Amino acid sequence: MTLPTVVSKYREKVYITQLKKMAANMETMLATINSETGSVPDTFKQCHNLMNGQSTEAYECFADMIVKYMKLNPNAVKYKVYNYNTDKNKVGYYAFCHRLFLEDGSVIAFHLINDGYVMFGFDVNGDKGPNKVGQDLFQVHYYPYTNSNNSYISLFKRLSFKPNQRNSIIQGCKGSSTQEAHPQSCLQLIYDSGFEVPEDYPIKF
């Protein structure tokens, strides 16, 4: 292999290993919330309800919730807010502006929508480059509700897809001249391959 290929393969291994760790930790956090509170949706909604007042309060509430239920050392993490228009080179994707920096330098980003719906972002190396979707930026759209059912729903369940959806998910990860690449589509492809990069993965590391 050429040197650029070796470097790319090494980068891929480091990034995907970190991504798998972050996703597993998030799944454990959701299970902990469910165990300790009895309802992920109701717990999320406590923060979402603050959106009716100050959205800043809702995001700070959510950052505190992650710290609490992921059992993080509050003195070793930092929550920061970025502006996408001026900090695009650091966040890479519009939904990655609310950022919780972990001890290892990775970032859990979150974008609150409504009624408990959250977009969780995984930035495997924080503000360091390349900050590109499908390389070091990945995402899950997490809906804790299933109609009126408040039972626990796995983070990973949201990533599953049917074989006949694969081509559209590949296109979603790749993006186009008119459509920005989507970080959840990229994570779906990696998850579907057992947290390995599949042969038809459209992004180069």
N, C-alpha and C. Protein backbone atom coordinates (compact mmCIF):
# COMPACT_ATOMS: atom_id res chain seq x y z
N MET A 1 0.84 -1.20 0.00
CA MET A 1 0.00 0.00 0.00
C MET A 1 0.87 1.25 0.00
N THR A 2 0.39 2.30 -0.64
CA THR A 2 1.10 3.56 -0.64
C THR A 2 0.95 4.23 0.73
N LEU A 3 1.81 5.19 1.00
CA LEU A 3 1.76 5.89 2.28
C LEU A 3 0.41 6.57 2.51
N PRO A 4 -0.16 7.29 1.51
CA PRO A 4 -1.49 7.90 1.73
C PRO A 4 -2.55 6.87 2.09
N THR A 5 -2.49 5.67 1.48
CA THR A 5 -3.45 4.62 1.78
C THR A 5 -3.28 4.13 3.20
N VAL A 6 -2.05 3.96 3.63
CA VAL A 6 -1.77 3.52 5.00
C VAL A 6 -2.30 4.55 6.00
N VAL A 7 -2.06 5.81 5.73
CA VAL A 7 -2.53 6.88 6.61
C VAL A 7 -4.06 6.89 6.66
N SER A 8 -4.70 6.73 5.50
CA SER A 8 -6.15 6.72 5.43
C SER A 8 -6.73 5.55 6.21
N LYS A 9 -6.14 4.38 6.08
CA LYS A 9 -6.63 3.20 6.79
C LYS A 9 -6.45 3.34 8.30
N TYR A 10 -5.33 3.94 8.69
CA TYR A 10 -5.10 4.17 10.12
C TYR A 10 -6.13 5.15 10.68
N ARG A 11 -6.37 6.24 9.95
CA ARG A 11 -7.35 7.24 10.36
C ARG A 11 -8.74 6.60 10.47
N GLU A 12 -9.08 5.79 9.47
CA GLU A 12 -10.37 5.10 9.48
C GLU A 12 -10.52 4.24 10.73
N LYS A 13 -9.50 3.48 11.06
CA LYS A 13 -9.55 2.60 12.23
C LYS A 13 -9.74 3.40 13.51
N VAL A 14 -9.00 4.47 13.66
CA VAL A 14 -9.09 5.30 14.87
C VAL A 14 -10.47 5.92 14.98
N TYR A 15 -10.96 6.49 13.90
CA TYR A 15 -12.26 7.17 13.93
C TYR A 15 -13.41 6.20 14.20
N ILE A 16 -13.40 5.05 13.55
CA ILE A 16 -14.51 4.11 13.70
C ILE A 16 -14.48 3.45 15.07
N THR A 17 -13.30 3.21 15.60
CA THR A 17 -13.20 2.68 16.96
C THR A 17 -13.80 3.66 17.97
N GLN A 18 -13.47 4.93 17.80
CA GLN A 18 -14.01 5.96 18.69
C GLN A 18 -15.52 6.11 18.50
N LEU A 19 -15.98 6.05 17.27
CA LEU A 19 -17.41 6.15 16.99
C LEU A 19 -18.17 5.02 17.68
N LYS A 20 -17.68 3.81 17.58
CA LYS A 20 -18.33 2.66 18.21
C LYS A 20 -18.40 2.84 19.72
N LYS A 21 -17.32 3.32 20.30
CA LYS A 21 -17.28 3.57 21.75
C LYS A 21 -18.31 4.62 22.15
N MET A 22 -18.39 5.71 21.39
CA MET A 22 -19.32 6.79 21.72
C MET A 22 -20.77 6.33 21.60
N ALA A 23 -21.07 5.59 20.53
CA ALA A 23 -22.43 5.10 20.34
C ALA A 23 -22.82 4.13 21.45
N ALA A 24 -21.89 3.27 21.85
CA ALA A 24 -22.17 2.31 22.93
C ALA A 24 -22.41 3.05 24.24
N ASN A 25 -21.63 4.09 24.50
CA ASN A 25 -21.82 4.87 25.73
C ASN A 25 -23.17 5.58 25.73
N MET A 26 -23.58 6.07 24.57
CA MET A 26 -24.88 6.73 24.47
C MET A 26 -26.01 5.72 24.70
N GLU A 27 -25.86 4.53 24.15
CA GLU A 27 -26.86 3.49 24.36
C GLU A 27 -26.97 3.13 25.84
N THR A 28 -25.82 3.04 26.50
CA THR A 28 -25.81 2.75 27.95
C THR A 28 -26.49 3.87 28.71
N MET A 29 -26.26 5.12 28.29
CA MET A 29 -26.90 6.25 28.95
C MET A 29 -28.42 6.17 28.84
N LEU A 30 -28.92 5.85 27.66
CA LEU A 30 -30.36 5.75 27.47
C LEU A 30 -30.95 4.63 28.33
N ALA A 31 -30.24 3.51 28.41
CA ALA A 31 -30.70 2.40 29.24
C ALA A 31 -30.71 2.79 30.71
N THR A 32 -29.72 3.59 31.12
CA THR A 32 -29.65 4.05 32.51
C THR A 32 -30.80 4.99 32.83
N ILE A 33 -31.09 5.91 31.92
CA ILE A 33 -32.23 6.81 32.11
C ILE A 33 -33.51 6.00 32.27
N ASN A 34 -33.68 5.02 31.40
CA ASN A 34 -34.88 4.19 31.45
C ASN A 34 -34.98 3.44 32.77
N SER A 35 -33.84 2.92 33.24
CA SER A 35 -33.82 2.16 34.49
C SER A 35 -34.08 3.03 35.70
N GLU A 36 -33.48 4.22 35.72
CA GLU A 36 -33.54 5.07 36.91
C GLU A 36 -34.77 5.95 36.96
N THR A 37 -35.33 6.29 35.80
CA THR A 37 -36.50 7.18 35.78
C THR A 37 -37.77 6.49 35.32
N GLY A 38 -37.62 5.36 34.63
CA GLY A 38 -38.78 4.64 34.13
C GLY A 38 -39.25 5.09 32.76
N SER A 39 -38.68 6.19 32.24
CA SER A 39 -39.14 6.68 30.94
C SER A 39 -38.12 7.64 30.33
N VAL A 40 -37.53 7.22 29.21
CA VAL A 40 -36.66 8.12 28.47
C VAL A 40 -37.44 9.31 27.92
N PRO A 41 -38.61 9.09 27.31
CA PRO A 41 -39.37 10.23 26.77
C PRO A 41 -39.70 11.28 27.81
N ASP A 42 -40.18 10.85 28.98
CA ASP A 42 -40.56 11.82 30.00
C ASP A 42 -39.34 12.58 30.53
N THR A 43 -38.21 11.89 30.63
CA THR A 43 -36.98 12.54 31.10
C THR A 43 -36.50 13.58 30.09
N PHE A 44 -36.51 13.20 28.82
CA PHE A 44 -36.13 14.16 27.77
C PHE A 44 -37.06 15.36 27.80
N LYS A 45 -38.34 15.09 27.99
CA LYS A 45 -39.34 16.15 27.89
C LYS A 45 -39.16 17.21 28.98
N GLN A 46 -38.56 16.82 30.11
CA GLN A 46 -38.30 17.80 31.17
C GLN A 46 -37.42 18.93 30.64
N CYS A 47 -36.46 18.57 29.79
CA CYS A 47 -35.60 19.59 29.19
C CYS A 47 -36.30 20.28 28.03
N HIS A 48 -37.00 19.51 27.20
CA HIS A 48 -37.69 20.10 26.06
C HIS A 48 -38.74 21.12 26.47
N ASN A 49 -39.38 20.89 27.61
CA ASN A 49 -40.40 21.82 28.08
C ASN A 49 -39.84 23.21 28.34
N LEU A 50 -38.53 23.28 28.59
CA LEU A 50 -37.90 24.57 28.84
C LEU A 50 -37.78 25.39 27.56
N MET A 51 -37.98 24.75 26.41
CA MET A 51 -37.92 25.47 25.15
C MET A 51 -39.00 26.54 25.07
N ASN A 52 -40.06 26.37 25.85
CA ASN A 52 -41.14 27.35 25.86
C ASN A 52 -40.69 28.66 26.50
N GLY A 53 -39.62 28.56 27.29
CA GLY A 53 -39.09 29.77 27.91
C GLY A 53 -37.82 30.17 27.18
N GLN A 54 -36.68 29.84 27.76
CA GLN A 54 -35.38 30.13 27.15
C GLN A 54 -34.82 28.85 26.54
N SER A 55 -34.54 28.85 25.25
CA SER A 55 -33.97 27.66 24.63
C SER A 55 -32.61 27.35 25.24
N THR A 56 -31.89 28.39 25.68
CA THR A 56 -30.60 28.17 26.33
C THR A 56 -30.76 27.26 27.54
N GLU A 57 -31.81 27.46 28.30
CA GLU A 57 -32.07 26.63 29.47
C GLU A 57 -32.27 25.18 29.08
N ALA A 58 -32.99 24.96 27.99
CA ALA A 58 -33.27 23.60 27.54
C ALA A 58 -31.99 22.88 27.16
N TYR A 59 -31.10 23.56 26.45
CA TYR A 59 -29.84 22.94 26.04
C TYR A 59 -28.92 22.69 27.23
N GLU A 60 -28.88 23.62 28.16
CA GLU A 60 -28.07 23.41 29.36
C GLU A 60 -28.61 22.26 30.19
N CYS A 61 -29.94 22.17 30.25
CA CYS A 61 -30.59 21.05 30.93
C CYS A 61 -30.18 19.73 30.29
N PHE A 62 -30.15 19.70 28.97
CA PHE A 62 -29.82 18.46 28.26
C PHE A 62 -28.35 18.10 28.46
N ALA A 63 -27.48 19.09 28.46
CA ALA A 63 -26.06 18.83 28.73
C ALA A 63 -25.89 18.23 30.12
N ASP A 64 -26.57 18.80 31.11
CA ASP A 64 -26.50 18.29 32.48
C ASP A 64 -27.05 16.87 32.56
N MET A 65 -28.09 16.60 31.79
CA MET A 65 -28.69 15.27 31.80
C MET A 65 -27.70 14.23 31.26
N ILE A 66 -27.01 14.57 30.18
CA ILE A 66 -26.02 13.66 29.62
C ILE A 66 -24.92 13.37 30.63
N VAL A 67 -24.43 14.42 31.26
CA VAL A 67 -23.37 14.26 32.27
C VAL A 67 -23.84 13.35 33.40
N LYS A 68 -25.05 13.57 33.86
CA LYS A 68 -25.59 12.80 34.99
C LYS A 68 -25.75 11.33 34.64
N TYR A 69 -26.41 11.04 33.54
CA TYR A 69 -26.76 9.66 33.24
C TYR A 69 -25.67 8.90 32.49
N MET A 70 -24.68 9.62 31.97
CA MET A 70 -23.52 8.94 31.41
C MET A 70 -22.44 8.75 32.47
N LYS A 71 -22.76 9.24 33.68
CA LYS A 71 -21.86 9.10 34.83
C LYS A 71 -20.50 9.75 34.55
N LEU A 72 -20.53 10.94 33.96
CA LEU A 72 -19.31 11.67 33.66
C LEU A 72 -18.89 12.53 34.84
N ASN A 73 -17.62 12.82 34.90
CA ASN A 73 -17.10 13.75 35.91
C ASN A 73 -17.42 15.17 35.45
N PRO A 74 -18.29 15.87 36.15
CA PRO A 74 -18.69 17.21 35.68
C PRO A 74 -17.54 18.20 35.62
N ASN A 75 -16.47 17.91 36.34
CA ASN A 75 -15.31 18.80 36.32
C ASN A 75 -14.38 18.52 35.14
N ALA A 76 -14.66 17.44 34.42
CA ALA A 76 -13.76 17.04 33.34
C ALA A 76 -14.40 17.19 31.96
N VAL A 77 -15.61 17.73 31.92
CA VAL A 77 -16.29 17.95 30.64
C VAL A 77 -16.66 19.42 30.52
N LYS A 78 -16.90 19.85 29.31
CA LYS A 78 -17.26 21.25 29.10
C LYS A 78 -18.32 21.36 28.02
N TYR A 79 -19.38 22.08 28.31
CA TYR A 79 -20.43 22.34 27.34
C TYR A 79 -20.18 23.71 26.71
N LYS A 80 -20.14 23.75 25.38
CA LYS A 80 -19.91 25.00 24.67
C LYS A 80 -20.89 25.12 23.51
N VAL A 81 -21.25 26.35 23.20
CA VAL A 81 -22.17 26.62 22.09
C VAL A 81 -21.41 27.36 20.99
N TYR A 82 -21.54 26.88 19.77
CA TYR A 82 -20.92 27.51 18.62
C TYR A 82 -21.99 28.11 17.71
N ASN A 83 -21.56 29.01 16.85
CA ASN A 83 -22.43 29.59 15.84
C ASN A 83 -22.04 29.00 14.48
N TYR A 84 -22.99 28.35 13.82
CA TYR A 84 -22.66 27.65 12.59
C TYR A 84 -22.13 28.59 11.51
N ASN A 85 -22.67 29.78 11.44
CA ASN A 85 -22.26 30.72 10.39
C ASN A 85 -20.80 31.14 10.53
N THR A 86 -20.32 31.24 11.77
CA THR A 86 -18.94 31.70 11.97
C THR A 86 -17.99 30.57 12.36
N ASP A 87 -18.54 29.43 12.80
CA ASP A 87 -17.69 28.33 13.29
C ASP A 87 -17.87 27.05 12.48
N LYS A 88 -18.30 27.18 11.24
CA LYS A 88 -18.57 25.99 10.42
C LYS A 88 -17.33 25.12 10.29
N ASN A 89 -16.15 25.72 10.26
CA ASN A 89 -14.92 24.93 10.12
C ASN A 89 -14.66 24.06 11.34
N LYS A 90 -15.25 24.42 12.48
CA LYS A 90 -15.06 23.63 13.71
C LYS A 90 -16.17 22.60 13.91
N VAL A 91 -17.40 22.97 13.58
CA VAL A 91 -18.52 22.06 13.85
C VAL A 91 -18.87 21.20 12.63
N GLY A 92 -18.65 21.71 11.42
CA GLY A 92 -18.82 20.93 10.21
C GLY A 92 -20.23 20.69 9.73
N TYR A 93 -21.21 20.74 10.64
CA TYR A 93 -22.60 20.43 10.28
C TYR A 93 -23.50 21.24 11.19
N TYR A 94 -24.60 21.74 10.67
CA TYR A 94 -25.40 22.73 11.40
C TYR A 94 -25.90 22.24 12.74
N ALA A 95 -26.15 20.94 12.88
CA ALA A 95 -26.74 20.42 14.12
C ALA A 95 -25.69 20.07 15.18
N PHE A 96 -24.44 20.43 14.92
CA PHE A 96 -23.36 20.08 15.85
C PHE A 96 -22.86 21.30 16.65
N CYS A 97 -23.71 22.31 16.81
CA CYS A 97 -23.28 23.54 17.47
C CYS A 97 -23.30 23.46 19.00
N HIS A 98 -24.23 22.69 19.55
CA HIS A 98 -24.29 22.51 21.00
C HIS A 98 -23.43 21.28 21.32
N ARG A 99 -22.29 21.52 21.98
CA ARG A 99 -21.25 20.51 22.05
C ARG A 99 -20.80 20.24 23.48
N LEU A 100 -20.78 18.97 23.84
CA LEU A 100 -20.28 18.55 25.14
C LEU A 100 -18.95 17.85 24.92
N PHE A 101 -17.87 18.52 25.34
CA PHE A 101 -16.52 18.00 25.15
C PHE A 101 -16.20 17.00 26.25
N LEU A 102 -15.82 15.79 25.85
CA LEU A 102 -15.48 14.74 26.80
C LEU A 102 -13.99 14.74 27.09
N GLU A 103 -13.60 13.96 28.07
CA GLU A 103 -12.20 13.95 28.52
C GLU A 103 -11.24 13.52 27.41
N ASP A 104 -11.69 12.62 26.53
CA ASP A 104 -10.79 12.10 25.49
C ASP A 104 -10.73 13.00 24.26
N GLY A 105 -11.40 14.15 24.31
CA GLY A 105 -11.36 15.09 23.20
C GLY A 105 -12.49 14.94 22.20
N SER A 106 -13.28 13.88 22.33
CA SER A 106 -14.44 13.71 21.45
C SER A 106 -15.58 14.60 21.92
N VAL A 107 -16.60 14.74 21.08
CA VAL A 107 -17.72 15.63 21.37
C VAL A 107 -19.04 14.92 21.13
N ILE A 108 -19.92 15.02 22.10
CA ILE A 108 -21.32 14.65 21.89
C ILE A 108 -22.06 15.95 21.60
N ALA A 109 -22.63 16.03 20.41
CA ALA A 109 -23.42 17.20 20.04
C ALA A 109 -24.89 16.83 20.13
N PHE A 110 -25.73 17.81 20.33
CA PHE A 110 -27.16 17.52 20.38
C PHE A 110 -27.95 18.72 19.87
N HIS A 111 -29.01 18.39 19.16
CA HIS A 111 -29.88 19.41 18.57
C HIS A 111 -31.30 19.05 18.96
N LEU A 112 -31.95 19.88 19.76
CA LEU A 112 -33.28 19.58 20.27
C LEU A 112 -34.33 20.02 19.26
N ILE A 113 -35.28 19.13 18.99
CA ILE A 113 -36.34 19.45 18.04
C ILE A 113 -37.63 19.74 18.80
N ASN A 114 -38.38 18.70 19.12
CA ASN A 114 -39.60 18.90 19.91
C ASN A 114 -40.05 17.57 20.50
N ASP A 115 -40.84 17.66 21.56
CA ASP A 115 -41.50 16.50 22.15
C ASP A 115 -40.53 15.34 22.41
N GLY A 116 -39.32 15.65 22.85
CA GLY A 116 -38.35 14.62 23.18
C GLY A 116 -37.47 14.16 22.04
N TYR A 117 -37.71 14.68 20.83
CA TYR A 117 -36.93 14.30 19.66
C TYR A 117 -35.59 15.03 19.68
N VAL A 118 -34.49 14.26 19.62
CA VAL A 118 -33.15 14.82 19.70
C VAL A 118 -32.29 14.27 18.56
N MET A 119 -31.47 15.12 17.98
CA MET A 119 -30.44 14.65 17.06
C MET A 119 -29.13 14.59 17.84
N PHE A 120 -28.64 13.39 18.06
CA PHE A 120 -27.36 13.20 18.74
C PHE A 120 -26.24 13.15 17.72
N GLY A 121 -25.23 13.97 17.90
CA GLY A 121 -24.08 13.97 17.01
C GLY A 121 -22.86 13.40 17.69
N PHE A 122 -22.07 12.67 16.93
CA PHE A 122 -20.81 12.12 17.42
C PHE A 122 -19.67 12.72 16.61
N ASP A 123 -18.91 13.60 17.22
CA ASP A 123 -17.72 14.18 16.60
C ASP A 123 -16.53 13.48 17.25
N VAL A 124 -15.94 12.53 16.55
CA VAL A 124 -14.99 11.62 17.19
C VAL A 124 -13.70 12.29 17.65
N ASN A 125 -13.39 13.47 17.10
CA ASN A 125 -12.15 14.13 17.51
C ASN A 125 -12.35 15.62 17.80
N GLY A 126 -13.55 16.00 18.16
CA GLY A 126 -13.80 17.37 18.60
C GLY A 126 -13.57 18.40 17.52
N ASP A 127 -12.96 19.50 17.90
CA ASP A 127 -12.77 20.62 16.98
C ASP A 127 -11.68 20.37 15.93
N LYS A 128 -10.91 19.30 16.09
CA LYS A 128 -9.88 19.00 15.11
C LYS A 128 -10.51 18.66 13.77
N GLY A 129 -9.74 18.90 12.70
CA GLY A 129 -10.24 18.55 11.38
C GLY A 129 -10.31 17.05 11.19
N PRO A 130 -10.93 16.61 10.10
CA PRO A 130 -11.45 17.43 8.99
C PRO A 130 -12.84 18.01 9.25
N ASN A 131 -13.55 17.54 10.30
CA ASN A 131 -14.92 17.99 10.58
C ASN A 131 -15.80 17.83 9.34
N LYS A 132 -15.78 16.61 8.81
CA LYS A 132 -16.56 16.30 7.62
C LYS A 132 -17.51 15.13 7.89
N VAL A 133 -18.71 15.26 7.40
CA VAL A 133 -19.72 14.21 7.54
C VAL A 133 -19.21 12.91 6.94
N GLY A 134 -19.35 11.84 7.69
CA GLY A 134 -18.95 10.53 7.21
C GLY A 134 -17.52 10.17 7.49
N GLN A 135 -16.72 11.15 7.90
CA GLN A 135 -15.34 10.88 8.30
C GLN A 135 -15.21 10.93 9.82
N ASP A 136 -15.40 12.13 10.37
CA ASP A 136 -15.34 12.24 11.83
C ASP A 136 -16.64 12.76 12.43
N LEU A 137 -17.67 12.98 11.60
CA LEU A 137 -18.98 13.45 12.08
C LEU A 137 -20.06 12.43 11.72
N PHE A 138 -20.83 12.02 12.74
CA PHE A 138 -21.90 11.05 12.55
C PHE A 138 -23.07 11.46 13.44
N GLN A 139 -24.24 10.90 13.17
CA GLN A 139 -25.43 11.38 13.87
C GLN A 139 -26.52 10.31 13.93
N VAL A 140 -27.35 10.43 14.97
CA VAL A 140 -28.56 9.61 15.09
C VAL A 140 -29.74 10.53 15.37
N HIS A 141 -30.80 10.38 14.61
CA HIS A 141 -32.05 11.05 14.93
C HIS A 141 -32.80 10.13 15.89
N TYR A 142 -32.93 10.56 17.13
CA TYR A 142 -33.50 9.67 18.14
C TYR A 142 -34.88 10.15 18.58
N TYR A 143 -35.87 9.35 18.29
CA TYR A 143 -37.24 9.61 18.72
C TYR A 143 -37.57 8.64 19.86
N PRO A 144 -37.66 9.10 21.09
CA PRO A 144 -37.94 8.16 22.19
C PRO A 144 -39.37 7.69 22.23
N TYR A 145 -40.23 8.28 21.43
CA TYR A 145 -41.64 7.90 21.42
C TYR A 145 -41.96 6.98 20.25
N THR A 146 -42.85 6.04 20.47
CA THR A 146 -43.47 5.29 19.39
C THR A 146 -44.97 5.41 19.57
N ASN A 147 -45.54 6.36 18.87
CA ASN A 147 -46.95 6.70 19.07
C ASN A 147 -47.19 7.03 20.54
N SER A 148 -48.06 6.30 21.22
CA SER A 148 -48.32 6.58 22.64
C SER A 148 -47.53 5.66 23.55
N ASN A 149 -46.62 4.89 22.97
CA ASN A 149 -45.86 3.92 23.74
C ASN A 149 -44.59 4.57 24.29
N ASN A 150 -44.44 4.60 25.59
CA ASN A 150 -43.27 5.22 26.21
C ASN A 150 -42.20 4.21 26.60
N SER A 151 -42.29 2.99 26.09
CA SER A 151 -41.31 1.98 26.45
C SER A 151 -39.95 2.32 25.85
N TYR A 152 -38.92 1.69 26.38
CA TYR A 152 -37.55 1.99 25.97
C TYR A 152 -37.30 1.62 24.51
N ILE A 153 -36.67 2.51 23.78
CA ILE A 153 -36.30 2.27 22.39
C ILE A 153 -34.79 2.47 22.26
N SER A 154 -34.14 1.45 21.75
CA SER A 154 -32.68 1.47 21.60
C SER A 154 -32.24 2.55 20.61
N LEU A 155 -31.10 3.13 20.90
CA LEU A 155 -30.48 4.06 19.95
C LEU A 155 -30.21 3.34 18.63
N PHE A 156 -29.74 2.10 18.72
CA PHE A 156 -29.33 1.37 17.53
C PHE A 156 -30.53 0.93 16.68
N LYS A 157 -31.69 0.80 17.30
CA LYS A 157 -32.88 0.45 16.52
C LYS A 157 -33.16 1.51 15.47
N ARG A 158 -32.83 2.75 15.79
CA ARG A 158 -33.07 3.85 14.86
C ARG A 158 -32.14 3.79 13.65
N LEU A 159 -31.09 2.97 13.72
CA LEU A 159 -30.10 2.92 12.65
C LEU A 159 -30.35 1.79 11.66
N SER A 160 -31.23 0.87 12.00
CA SER A 160 -31.48 -0.27 11.14
C SER A 160 -32.23 0.16 9.87
N PHE A 161 -31.98 -0.56 8.80
CA PHE A 161 -32.70 -0.28 7.56
C PHE A 161 -32.84 -1.56 6.76
N LYS A 162 -33.78 -1.55 5.82
CA LYS A 162 -34.03 -2.71 4.98
C LYS A 162 -33.10 -2.71 3.77
N PRO A 163 -32.78 -3.92 3.24
CA PRO A 163 -31.85 -3.99 2.09
C PRO A 163 -32.25 -3.11 0.92
N ASN A 164 -33.56 -2.99 0.67
CA ASN A 164 -33.98 -2.19 -0.48
C ASN A 164 -33.83 -0.69 -0.26
N GLN A 165 -33.42 -0.29 0.95
CA GLN A 165 -33.20 1.13 1.26
C GLN A 165 -31.72 1.51 1.11
N ARG A 166 -30.88 0.52 0.87
CA ARG A 166 -29.43 0.76 0.93
C ARG A 166 -28.95 1.82 -0.07
N ASN A 167 -29.42 1.74 -1.29
CA ASN A 167 -28.96 2.70 -2.30
C ASN A 167 -29.28 4.14 -1.91
N SER A 168 -30.47 4.36 -1.37
CA SER A 168 -30.84 5.73 -0.98
C SER A 168 -30.03 6.18 0.23
N ILE A 169 -29.68 5.26 1.10
CA ILE A 169 -28.86 5.62 2.26
C ILE A 169 -27.43 5.94 1.83
N ILE A 170 -26.92 5.17 0.89
CA ILE A 170 -25.59 5.48 0.34
C ILE A 170 -25.59 6.88 -0.28
N GLN A 171 -26.62 7.19 -1.03
CA GLN A 171 -26.72 8.52 -1.65
C GLN A 171 -26.84 9.59 -0.58
N GLY A 172 -27.59 9.30 0.50
CA GLY A 172 -27.71 10.26 1.59
C GLY A 172 -26.39 10.54 2.24
N CYS A 173 -25.57 9.51 2.42
CA CYS A 173 -24.23 9.69 3.02
C CYS A 173 -23.31 10.44 2.06
N LYS A 174 -23.42 10.13 0.79
CA LYS A 174 -22.55 10.76 -0.22
C LYS A 174 -22.89 12.22 -0.44
N GLY A 175 -24.21 12.52 -0.46
CA GLY A 175 -24.63 13.87 -0.78
C GLY A 175 -24.55 14.13 -2.27
N SER A 176 -24.87 15.34 -2.67
CA SER A 176 -24.83 15.71 -4.08
C SER A 176 -24.58 17.20 -4.20
N SER A 177 -24.63 17.69 -5.41
CA SER A 177 -24.42 19.12 -5.63
C SER A 177 -25.54 19.97 -5.02
N THR A 178 -26.69 19.33 -4.81
CA THR A 178 -27.83 20.08 -4.25
C THR A 178 -28.24 19.58 -2.87
N GLN A 179 -27.62 18.49 -2.39
CA GLN A 179 -28.01 17.90 -1.12
C GLN A 179 -26.77 17.63 -0.27
N GLU A 180 -26.71 18.24 0.90
CA GLU A 180 -25.58 18.03 1.79
C GLU A 180 -25.56 16.59 2.29
N ALA A 181 -24.37 16.03 2.44
CA ALA A 181 -24.22 14.68 2.97
C ALA A 181 -24.85 14.60 4.37
N HIS A 182 -25.48 13.47 4.67
CA HIS A 182 -26.20 13.34 5.94
C HIS A 182 -25.45 12.41 6.89
N PRO A 183 -25.11 12.90 8.10
CA PRO A 183 -24.30 12.11 9.04
C PRO A 183 -25.00 10.88 9.59
N GLN A 184 -26.35 10.85 9.59
CA GLN A 184 -27.02 9.63 10.05
C GLN A 184 -26.91 8.54 8.99
N SER A 185 -27.05 8.89 7.73
CA SER A 185 -26.94 7.89 6.67
C SER A 185 -25.58 7.20 6.73
N CYS A 186 -24.54 7.97 6.96
CA CYS A 186 -23.19 7.39 7.04
C CYS A 186 -23.08 6.44 8.23
N LEU A 187 -23.64 6.84 9.37
CA LEU A 187 -23.60 5.97 10.54
C LEU A 187 -24.42 4.71 10.31
N GLN A 188 -25.54 4.83 9.61
CA GLN A 188 -26.35 3.64 9.32
C GLN A 188 -25.56 2.60 8.53
N LEU A 189 -24.79 3.05 7.55
CA LEU A 189 -24.00 2.13 6.74
C LEU A 189 -22.93 1.43 7.58
N ILE A 190 -22.31 2.19 8.46
CA ILE A 190 -21.26 1.62 9.32
C ILE A 190 -21.86 0.67 10.35
N TYR A 191 -22.98 1.08 10.93
CA TYR A 191 -23.66 0.21 11.90
C TYR A 191 -24.10 -1.10 11.25
N ASP A 192 -24.65 -1.01 10.06
CA ASP A 192 -25.14 -2.19 9.35
C ASP A 192 -24.02 -3.19 9.05
N SER A 193 -22.79 -2.71 9.02
CA SER A 193 -21.64 -3.57 8.76
C SER A 193 -20.92 -3.97 10.05
N GLY A 194 -21.61 -3.84 11.17
CA GLY A 194 -21.01 -4.23 12.44
C GLY A 194 -19.93 -3.28 12.91
N PHE A 195 -20.17 -1.98 12.68
CA PHE A 195 -19.20 -0.93 12.99
C PHE A 195 -17.87 -1.16 12.28
N GLU A 196 -18.00 -1.50 11.01
CA GLU A 196 -16.89 -1.53 10.08
C GLU A 196 -17.29 -0.71 8.87
N VAL A 197 -16.32 -0.23 8.13
CA VAL A 197 -16.62 0.55 6.93
C VAL A 197 -16.89 -0.41 5.78
N PRO A 198 -18.10 -0.40 5.22
CA PRO A 198 -18.41 -1.35 4.14
C PRO A 198 -17.70 -0.98 2.84
N GLU A 199 -17.64 -1.94 1.94
CA GLU A 199 -16.94 -1.72 0.68
C GLU A 199 -17.59 -0.63 -0.17
N ASP A 200 -18.90 -0.49 -0.03
CA ASP A 200 -19.59 0.50 -0.86
C ASP A 200 -19.75 1.85 -0.14
N TYR A 201 -18.98 2.03 0.93
CA TYR A 201 -19.06 3.30 1.67
C TYR A 201 -18.59 4.44 0.77
N PRO A 202 -19.37 5.50 0.62
CA PRO A 202 -19.06 6.53 -0.37
C PRO A 202 -18.06 7.60 0.05
N ILE A 203 -17.62 7.56 1.31
CA ILE A 203 -16.72 8.59 1.82
C ILE A 203 -15.33 8.01 2.02
N LYS A 204 -14.31 8.73 1.61
CA LYS A 204 -12.92 8.30 1.79
C LYS A 204 -12.33 8.93 3.05
N PHE A 205 -11.63 8.16 3.82
CA PHE A 205 -10.97 8.68 5.02
C PHE A 205 -9.60 9.24 4.69
